[in-house]
Amino acid sequence: MDAAVTQLIEVWEDAYRRYCAAAGPNVVETSRAVAGAWRQLDTAGELPWWLRAAVRSAAEAFEQQAESWEAADPARAEGRVPRPR
């Protein structure tokens, strides 16, 4: 495995570790971070079609989870809590 792929895996591991420890409003940000890490892995060069599909599916699942948690938070819905970028 080359160094770039190893670094992407480490980014994913860190994001997922933070996600596992997150609670309440932090779930939105950490879900987005995990989705972003999955998206980065999707750019890791040549992947078999089935692995690319799994990576994209995982990213979409975490993005949808972040949106669901964000929509369920009244403070975010009213715009009192800024959405991270």
PDB file of N, CA and C in Angstrom:
ATOM      1  N   MET A   1       0.848  -1.162   0.000  1.00  0.00           N
ATOM      2  CA  MET A   1       0.000   0.000   0.000  1.00  0.00           C
ATOM      3  C   MET A   1       0.905   1.239   0.000  1.00  0.00           C
ATOM      4  N   ASP A   2       0.556   2.214  -0.840  1.00  0.00           N
ATOM      5  CA  ASP A   2       1.421   3.392  -0.884  1.00  0.00           C
ATOM      6  C   ASP A   2       1.101   4.359   0.261  1.00  0.00           C
ATOM      7  N   ALA A   3       1.979   5.323   0.447  1.00  0.00           N
ATOM      8  CA  ALA A   3       1.873   6.240   1.590  1.00  0.00           C
ATOM      9  C   ALA A   3       0.594   7.071   1.547  1.00  0.00           C
ATOM     10  N   ALA A   4       0.160   7.463   0.351  1.00  0.00           N
ATOM     11  CA  ALA A   4      -1.052   8.279   0.240  1.00  0.00           C
ATOM     12  C   ALA A   4      -2.279   7.508   0.715  1.00  0.00           C
ATOM     13  N   VAL A   5      -2.377   6.253   0.329  1.00  0.00           N
ATOM     14  CA  VAL A   5      -3.514   5.428   0.750  1.00  0.00           C
ATOM     15  C   VAL A   5      -3.449   5.189   2.255  1.00  0.00           C
ATOM     16  N   THR A   6      -2.257   4.925   2.764  1.00  0.00           N
ATOM     17  CA  THR A   6      -2.091   4.730   4.204  1.00  0.00           C
ATOM     18  C   THR A   6      -2.545   5.971   4.964  1.00  0.00           C
ATOM     19  N   GLN A   7      -2.209   7.149   4.465  1.00  0.00           N
ATOM     20  CA  GLN A   7      -2.625   8.392   5.115  1.00  0.00           C
ATOM     21  C   GLN A   7      -4.147   8.539   5.079  1.00  0.00           C
ATOM     22  N   LEU A   8      -4.784   8.201   3.960  1.00  0.00           N
ATOM     23  CA  LEU A   8      -6.243   8.274   3.872  1.00  0.00           C
ATOM     24  C   LEU A   8      -6.903   7.330   4.871  1.00  0.00           C
ATOM     25  N   ILE A   9      -6.324   6.164   5.037  1.00  0.00           N
ATOM     26  CA  ILE A   9      -6.858   5.201   6.004  1.00  0.00           C
ATOM     27  C   ILE A   9      -6.731   5.758   7.416  1.00  0.00           C
ATOM     28  N   GLU A  10      -5.609   6.393   7.712  1.00  0.00           N
ATOM     29  CA  GLU A  10      -5.417   6.982   9.040  1.00  0.00           C
ATOM     30  C   GLU A  10      -6.414   8.111   9.292  1.00  0.00           C
ATOM     31  N   VAL A  11      -6.711   8.909   8.266  1.00  0.00           N
ATOM     32  CA  VAL A  11      -7.714   9.971   8.390  1.00  0.00           C
ATOM     33  C   VAL A  11      -9.075   9.353   8.692  1.00  0.00           C
ATOM     34  N   TRP A  12      -9.419   8.282   7.977  1.00  0.00           N
ATOM     35  CA  TRP A  12     -10.688   7.595   8.215  1.00  0.00           C
ATOM     36  C   TRP A  12     -10.739   7.034   9.636  1.00  0.00           C
ATOM     37  N   GLU A  13      -9.660   6.385  10.070  1.00  0.00           N
ATOM     38  CA  GLU A  13      -9.623   5.811  11.423  1.00  0.00           C
ATOM     39  C   GLU A  13      -9.825   6.889  12.488  1.00  0.00           C
ATOM     40  N   ASP A  14      -9.173   8.033  12.309  1.00  0.00           N
ATOM     41  CA  ASP A  14      -9.316   9.127  13.275  1.00  0.00           C
ATOM     42  C   ASP A  14     -10.747   9.655  13.291  1.00  0.00           C
ATOM     43  N   ALA A  15     -11.319   9.864  12.116  1.00  0.00           N
ATOM     44  CA  ALA A  15     -12.696  10.364  12.041  1.00  0.00           C
ATOM     45  C   ALA A  15     -13.667   9.375  12.671  1.00  0.00           C
ATOM     46  N   TYR A  16     -13.475   8.100  12.418  1.00  0.00           N
ATOM     47  CA  TYR A  16     -14.384   7.095  12.961  1.00  0.00           C
ATOM     48  C   TYR A  16     -14.224   6.964  14.474  1.00  0.00           C
ATOM     49  N   ARG A  17     -13.015   7.108  14.966  1.00  0.00           N
ATOM     50  CA  ARG A  17     -12.766   7.076  16.413  1.00  0.00           C
ATOM     51  C   ARG A  17     -13.512   8.234  17.093  1.00  0.00           C
ATOM     52  N   ARG A  18     -13.446   9.430  16.487  1.00  0.00           N
ATOM     53  CA  ARG A  18     -14.164  10.582  17.036  1.00  0.00           C
ATOM     54  C   ARG A  18     -15.675  10.378  16.944  1.00  0.00           C
ATOM     55  N   TYR A  19     -16.124   9.759  15.861  1.00  0.00           N
ATOM     56  CA  TYR A  19     -17.551   9.482  15.696  1.00  0.00           C
ATOM     57  C   TYR A  19     -18.042   8.540  16.794  1.00  0.00           C
ATOM     58  N   CYS A  20     -17.292   7.510  17.083  1.00  0.00           N
ATOM     59  CA  CYS A  20     -17.694   6.536  18.106  1.00  0.00           C
ATOM     60  C   CYS A  20     -17.806   7.177  19.482  1.00  0.00           C
ATOM     61  N   ALA A  21     -17.019   8.199  19.739  1.00  0.00           N
ATOM     62  CA  ALA A  21     -17.030   8.863  21.043  1.00  0.00           C
ATOM     63  C   ALA A  21     -18.006  10.043  21.099  1.00  0.00           C
ATOM     64  N   ALA A  22     -18.592  10.410  19.970  1.00  0.00           N
ATOM     65  CA  ALA A  22     -19.441  11.599  19.902  1.00  0.00           C
ATOM     66  C   ALA A  22     -20.803  11.368  20.541  1.00  0.00           C
ATOM     67  N   ALA A  23     -21.369  12.475  20.998  1.00  0.00           N
ATOM     68  CA  ALA A  23     -22.717  12.429  21.564  1.00  0.00           C
ATOM     69  C   ALA A  23     -23.447  13.710  21.191  1.00  0.00           C
ATOM     70  N   GLY A  24     -24.755  13.626  21.136  1.00  0.00           N
ATOM     71  CA  GLY A  24     -25.586  14.795  20.898  1.00  0.00           C
ATOM     72  C   GLY A  24     -25.205  15.568  19.660  1.00  0.00           C
ATOM     73  N   PRO A  25     -25.026  16.889  19.804  1.00  0.00           N
ATOM     74  CA  PRO A  25     -24.762  17.727  18.636  1.00  0.00           C
ATOM     75  C   PRO A  25     -23.445  17.402  17.937  1.00  0.00           C
ATOM     76  N   ASN A  26     -22.528  16.760  18.634  1.00  0.00           N
ATOM     77  CA  ASN A  26     -21.256  16.401  18.000  1.00  0.00           C
ATOM     78  C   ASN A  26     -21.417  15.318  16.948  1.00  0.00           C
ATOM     79  N   VAL A  27     -22.531  14.597  16.974  1.00  0.00           N
ATOM     80  CA  VAL A  27     -22.744  13.528  16.000  1.00  0.00           C
ATOM     81  C   VAL A  27     -22.828  14.100  14.583  1.00  0.00           C
ATOM     82  N   VAL A  28     -23.397  15.290  14.448  1.00  0.00           N
ATOM     83  CA  VAL A  28     -23.501  15.901  13.118  1.00  0.00           C
ATOM     84  C   VAL A  28     -22.110  16.107  12.529  1.00  0.00           C
ATOM     85  N   GLU A  29     -21.243  16.782  13.280  1.00  0.00           N
ATOM     86  CA  GLU A  29     -19.906  17.085  12.778  1.00  0.00           C
ATOM     87  C   GLU A  29     -19.082  15.818  12.548  1.00  0.00           C
ATOM     88  N   THR A  30     -19.167  14.895  13.485  1.00  0.00           N
ATOM     89  CA  THR A  30     -18.352  13.687  13.327  1.00  0.00           C
ATOM     90  C   THR A  30     -18.886  12.800  12.206  1.00  0.00           C
ATOM     91  N   SER A  31     -20.191  12.780  11.997  1.00  0.00           N
ATOM     92  CA  SER A  31     -20.746  12.025  10.862  1.00  0.00           C
ATOM     93  C   SER A  31     -20.257  12.620   9.548  1.00  0.00           C
ATOM     94  N   ARG A  32     -20.233  13.952   9.477  1.00  0.00           N
ATOM     95  CA  ARG A  32     -19.719  14.609   8.269  1.00  0.00           C
ATOM     96  C   ARG A  32     -18.234  14.297   8.063  1.00  0.00           C
ATOM     97  N   ALA A  33     -17.484  14.243   9.152  1.00  0.00           N
ATOM     98  CA  ALA A  33     -16.055  13.928   9.039  1.00  0.00           C
ATOM     99  C   ALA A  33     -15.842  12.509   8.524  1.00  0.00           C
ATOM    100  N   VAL A  34     -16.638  11.561   9.021  1.00  0.00           N
ATOM    101  CA  VAL A  34     -16.512  10.182   8.547  1.00  0.00           C
ATOM    102  C   VAL A  34     -16.919  10.106   7.077  1.00  0.00           C
ATOM    103  N   ALA A  35     -17.994  10.791   6.698  1.00  0.00           N
ATOM    104  CA  ALA A  35     -18.413  10.809   5.293  1.00  0.00           C
ATOM    105  C   ALA A  35     -17.301  11.379   4.414  1.00  0.00           C
ATOM    106  N   GLY A  36     -16.679  12.458   4.884  1.00  0.00           N
ATOM    107  CA  GLY A  36     -15.576  13.051   4.128  1.00  0.00           C
ATOM    108  C   GLY A  36     -14.396  12.110   3.984  1.00  0.00           C
ATOM    109  N   ALA A  37     -14.113  11.371   5.035  1.00  0.00           N
ATOM    110  CA  ALA A  37     -13.013  10.399   4.964  1.00  0.00           C
ATOM    111  C   ALA A  37     -13.338   9.298   3.958  1.00  0.00           C
ATOM    112  N   TRP A  38     -14.595   8.843   3.954  1.00  0.00           N
ATOM    113  CA  TRP A  38     -14.996   7.846   2.948  1.00  0.00           C
ATOM    114  C   TRP A  38     -14.845   8.435   1.546  1.00  0.00           C
ATOM    115  N   ARG A  39     -15.246   9.694   1.356  1.00  0.00           N
ATOM    116  CA  ARG A  39     -15.125  10.339   0.037  1.00  0.00           C
ATOM    117  C   ARG A  39     -13.655  10.417  -0.386  1.00  0.00           C
ATOM    118  N   GLN A  40     -12.768  10.693   0.568  1.00  0.00           N
ATOM    119  CA  GLN A  40     -11.344  10.733   0.235  1.00  0.00           C
ATOM    120  C   GLN A  40     -10.845   9.358  -0.193  1.00  0.00           C
ATOM    121  N   LEU A  41     -11.302   8.320   0.493  1.00  0.00           N
ATOM    122  CA  LEU A  41     -10.895   6.963   0.108  1.00  0.00           C
ATOM    123  C   LEU A  41     -11.388   6.620  -1.290  1.00  0.00           C
ATOM    124  N   ASP A  42     -12.511   7.202  -1.686  1.00  0.00           N
ATOM    125  CA  ASP A  42     -13.053   6.967  -3.027  1.00  0.00           C
ATOM    126  C   ASP A  42     -12.107   7.487  -4.105  1.00  0.00           C
ATOM    127  N   THR A  43     -11.247   8.437  -3.740  1.00  0.00           N
ATOM    128  CA  THR A  43     -10.312   9.011  -4.710  1.00  0.00           C
ATOM    129  C   THR A  43      -8.943   8.332  -4.669  1.00  0.00           C
ATOM    130  N   ALA A  44      -8.845   7.229  -3.959  1.00  0.00           N
ATOM    131  CA  ALA A  44      -7.548   6.585  -3.712  1.00  0.00           C
ATOM    132  C   ALA A  44      -7.027   5.782  -4.899  1.00  0.00           C
ATOM    133  N   GLY A  45      -7.396   6.164  -6.083  1.00  0.00           N
ATOM    134  CA  GLY A  45      -6.884   5.456  -7.253  1.00  0.00           C
ATOM    135  C   GLY A  45      -7.807   4.335  -7.689  1.00  0.00           C
ATOM    136  N   GLU A  46      -7.223   3.347  -8.311  1.00  0.00           N
ATOM    137  CA  GLU A  46      -7.989   2.233  -8.857  1.00  0.00           C
ATOM    138  C   GLU A  46      -8.543   1.346  -7.756  1.00  0.00           C
ATOM    139  N   LEU A  47      -9.852   1.266  -7.696  1.00  0.00           N
ATOM    140  CA  LEU A  47     -10.530   0.372  -6.769  1.00  0.00           C
ATOM    141  C   LEU A  47     -11.429  -0.541  -7.591  1.00  0.00           C
ATOM    142  N   PRO A  48     -11.591  -1.784  -7.163  1.00  0.00           N
ATOM    143  CA  PRO A  48     -12.561  -2.642  -7.846  1.00  0.00           C
ATOM    144  C   PRO A  48     -13.949  -1.992  -7.761  1.00  0.00           C
ATOM    145  N   TRP A  49     -14.791  -2.237  -8.742  1.00  0.00           N
ATOM    146  CA  TRP A  49     -16.108  -1.594  -8.795  1.00  0.00           C
ATOM    147  C   TRP A  49     -16.905  -1.825  -7.518  1.00  0.00           C
ATOM    148  N   TRP A  50     -16.816  -3.031  -6.976  1.00  0.00           N
ATOM    149  CA  TRP A  50     -17.613  -3.371  -5.795  1.00  0.00           C
ATOM    150  C   TRP A  50     -17.118  -2.629  -4.557  1.00  0.00           C
ATOM    151  N   LEU A  51     -15.811  -2.391  -4.483  1.00  0.00           N
ATOM    152  CA  LEU A  51     -15.262  -1.651  -3.350  1.00  0.00           C
ATOM    153  C   LEU A  51     -15.605  -0.168  -3.473  1.00  0.00           C
ATOM    154  N   ARG A  52     -15.519   0.366  -4.690  1.00  0.00           N
ATOM    155  CA  ARG A  52     -15.894   1.762  -4.913  1.00  0.00           C
ATOM    156  C   ARG A  52     -17.369   1.974  -4.553  1.00  0.00           C
ATOM    157  N   ALA A  53     -18.228   1.032  -4.927  1.00  0.00           N
ATOM    158  CA  ALA A  53     -19.657   1.135  -4.591  1.00  0.00           C
ATOM    159  C   ALA A  53     -19.863   1.115  -3.078  1.00  0.00           C
ATOM    160  N   ALA A  54     -19.135   0.265  -2.378  1.00  0.00           N
ATOM    161  CA  ALA A  54     -19.258   0.181  -0.917  1.00  0.00           C
ATOM    162  C   ALA A  54     -18.779   1.470  -0.251  1.00  0.00           C
ATOM    163  N   VAL A  55     -17.679   2.021  -0.726  1.00  0.00           N
ATOM    164  CA  VAL A  55     -17.136   3.263  -0.164  1.00  0.00           C
ATOM    165  C   VAL A  55     -18.122   4.412  -0.371  1.00  0.00           C
ATOM    166  N   ARG A  56     -18.678   4.508  -1.576  1.00  0.00           N
ATOM    167  CA  ARG A  56     -19.649   5.575  -1.854  1.00  0.00           C
ATOM    168  C   ARG A  56     -20.918   5.403  -1.024  1.00  0.00           C
ATOM    169  N   SER A  57     -21.353   4.176  -0.879  1.00  0.00           N
ATOM    170  CA  SER A  57     -22.545   3.901  -0.073  1.00  0.00           C
ATOM    171  C   SER A  57     -22.320   4.294   1.385  1.00  0.00           C
ATOM    172  N   ALA A  58     -21.153   3.984   1.907  1.00  0.00           N
ATOM    173  CA  ALA A  58     -20.829   4.354   3.287  1.00  0.00           C
ATOM    174  C   ALA A  58     -20.816   5.872   3.445  1.00  0.00           C
ATOM    175  N   ALA A  59     -20.225   6.579   2.484  1.00  0.00           N
ATOM    176  CA  ALA A  59     -20.200   8.045   2.547  1.00  0.00           C
ATOM    177  C   ALA A  59     -21.615   8.604   2.547  1.00  0.00           C
ATOM    178  N   GLU A  60     -22.457   8.084   1.669  1.00  0.00           N
ATOM    179  CA  GLU A  60     -23.839   8.561   1.599  1.00  0.00           C
ATOM    180  C   GLU A  60     -24.588   8.297   2.900  1.00  0.00           C
ATOM    181  N   ALA A  61     -24.360   7.147   3.503  1.00  0.00           N
ATOM    182  CA  ALA A  61     -25.041   6.810   4.759  1.00  0.00           C
ATOM    183  C   ALA A  61     -24.668   7.792   5.866  1.00  0.00           C
ATOM    184  N   PHE A  62     -23.389   8.125   5.977  1.00  0.00           N
ATOM    185  CA  PHE A  62     -22.967   9.067   7.017  1.00  0.00           C
ATOM    186  C   PHE A  62     -23.439  10.489   6.708  1.00  0.00           C
ATOM    187  N   GLU A  63     -23.499  10.854   5.418  1.00  0.00           N
ATOM    188  CA  GLU A  63     -24.036  12.171   5.058  1.00  0.00           C
ATOM    189  C   GLU A  63     -25.518  12.270   5.426  1.00  0.00           C
ATOM    190  N   GLN A  64     -26.270  11.220   5.126  1.00  0.00           N
ATOM    191  CA  GLN A  64     -27.693  11.219   5.473  1.00  0.00           C
ATOM    192  C   GLN A  64     -27.892  11.237   6.987  1.00  0.00           C
ATOM    193  N   GLN A  65     -27.045  10.519   7.696  1.00  0.00           N
ATOM    194  CA  GLN A  65     -27.148  10.525   9.154  1.00  0.00           C
ATOM    195  C   GLN A  65     -26.901  11.926   9.705  1.00  0.00           C
ATOM    196  N   ALA A  66     -25.900  12.607   9.180  1.00  0.00           N
ATOM    197  CA  ALA A  66     -25.618  13.974   9.629  1.00  0.00           C
ATOM    198  C   ALA A  66     -26.810  14.881   9.358  1.00  0.00           C
ATOM    199  N   GLU A  67     -27.410  14.748   8.179  1.00  0.00           N
ATOM    200  CA  GLU A  67     -28.569  15.573   7.842  1.00  0.00           C
ATOM    201  C   GLU A  67     -29.748  15.270   8.765  1.00  0.00           C
ATOM    202  N   SER A  68     -29.957  14.003   9.079  1.00  0.00           N
ATOM    203  CA  SER A  68     -31.059  13.618   9.972  1.00  0.00           C
ATOM    204  C   SER A  68     -30.861  14.191  11.369  1.00  0.00           C
ATOM    205  N   TRP A  69     -29.646  14.066  11.898  1.00  0.00           N
ATOM    206  CA  TRP A  69     -29.357  14.608  13.231  1.00  0.00           C
ATOM    207  C   TRP A  69     -29.480  16.127  13.216  1.00  0.00           C
ATOM    208  N   GLU A  70     -29.019  16.734  12.141  1.00  0.00           N
ATOM    209  CA  GLU A  70     -29.092  18.189  12.046  1.00  0.00           C
ATOM    210  C   GLU A  70     -30.552  18.652  12.007  1.00  0.00           C
ATOM    211  N   ALA A  71     -31.383  17.964  11.249  1.00  0.00           N
ATOM    212  CA  ALA A  71     -32.795  18.328  11.145  1.00  0.00           C
ATOM    213  C   ALA A  71     -33.530  18.124  12.468  1.00  0.00           C
ATOM    214  N   ALA A  72     -33.072  17.166  13.257  1.00  0.00           N
ATOM    215  CA  ALA A  72     -33.725  16.867  14.535  1.00  0.00           C
ATOM    216  C   ALA A  72     -33.325  17.828  15.648  1.00  0.00           C
ATOM    217  N   ASP A  73     -32.314  18.648  15.403  1.00  0.00           N
ATOM    218  CA  ASP A  73     -31.828  19.586  16.416  1.00  0.00           C
ATOM    219  C   ASP A  73     -32.515  20.938  16.216  1.00  0.00           C
ATOM    220  N   PRO A  74     -33.423  21.315  17.095  1.00  0.00           N
ATOM    221  CA  PRO A  74     -34.166  22.573  16.924  1.00  0.00           C
ATOM    222  C   PRO A  74     -33.264  23.801  16.812  1.00  0.00           C
ATOM    223  N   ALA A  75     -32.170  23.829  17.545  1.00  0.00           N
ATOM    224  CA  ALA A  75     -31.260  24.983  17.482  1.00  0.00           C
ATOM    225  C   ALA A  75     -30.665  25.122  16.089  1.00  0.00           C
ATOM    226  N   ARG A  76     -30.310  24.011  15.474  1.00  0.00           N
ATOM    227  CA  ARG A  76     -29.765  24.064  14.115  1.00  0.00           C
ATOM    228  C   ARG A  76     -30.849  24.446  13.116  1.00  0.00           C
ATOM    229  N   ALA A  77     -32.032  23.889  13.292  1.00  0.00           N
ATOM    230  CA  ALA A  77     -33.132  24.175  12.376  1.00  0.00           C
ATOM    231  C   ALA A  77     -33.492  25.659  12.389  1.00  0.00           C
ATOM    232  N   GLU A  78     -33.356  26.298  13.544  1.00  0.00           N
ATOM    233  CA  GLU A  78     -33.664  27.725  13.669  1.00  0.00           C
ATOM    234  C   GLU A  78     -32.470  28.602  13.309  1.00  0.00           C
ATOM    235  N   GLY A  79     -31.347  27.998  12.960  1.00  0.00           N
ATOM    236  CA  GLY A  79     -30.178  28.756  12.550  1.00  0.00           C
ATOM    237  C   GLY A  79     -29.345  29.310  13.682  1.00  0.00           C
ATOM    238  N   ARG A  80     -29.589  28.867  14.905  1.00  0.00           N
ATOM    239  CA  ARG A  80     -28.817  29.373  16.048  1.00  0.00           C
ATOM    240  C   ARG A  80     -27.458  28.705  16.159  1.00  0.00           C
ATOM    241  N   VAL A  81     -27.307  27.546  15.570  1.00  0.00           N
ATOM    242  CA  VAL A  81     -26.027  26.841  15.597  1.00  0.00           C
ATOM    243  C   VAL A  81     -25.514  26.799  14.169  1.00  0.00           C
ATOM    244  N   PRO A  82     -24.371  27.418  13.896  1.00  0.00           N
ATOM    245  CA  PRO A  82     -23.877  27.433  12.520  1.00  0.00           C
ATOM    246  C   PRO A  82     -23.511  26.039  12.039  1.00  0.00           C
ATOM    247  N   ARG A  83     -23.796  25.793  10.794  1.00  0.00           N
ATOM    248  CA  ARG A  83     -23.447  24.513  10.178  1.00  0.00           C
ATOM    249  C   ARG A  83     -21.973  24.537   9.810  1.00  0.00           C
ATOM    250  N   PRO A  84     -21.219  23.521  10.215  1.00  0.00           N
ATOM    251  CA  PRO A  84     -19.789  23.493   9.880  1.00  0.00           C
ATOM    252  C   PRO A  84     -19.577  23.270   8.396  1.00  0.00           C
ATOM    253  N   ARG A  85     -18.491  23.773   7.905  1.00  0.00           N
ATOM    254  CA  ARG A  85     -18.134  23.589   6.487  1.00  0.00           C
ATOM    255  C   ARG A  85     -16.846  22.862   6.369  1.00  0.00           C
TER     256      ARG A  85
END
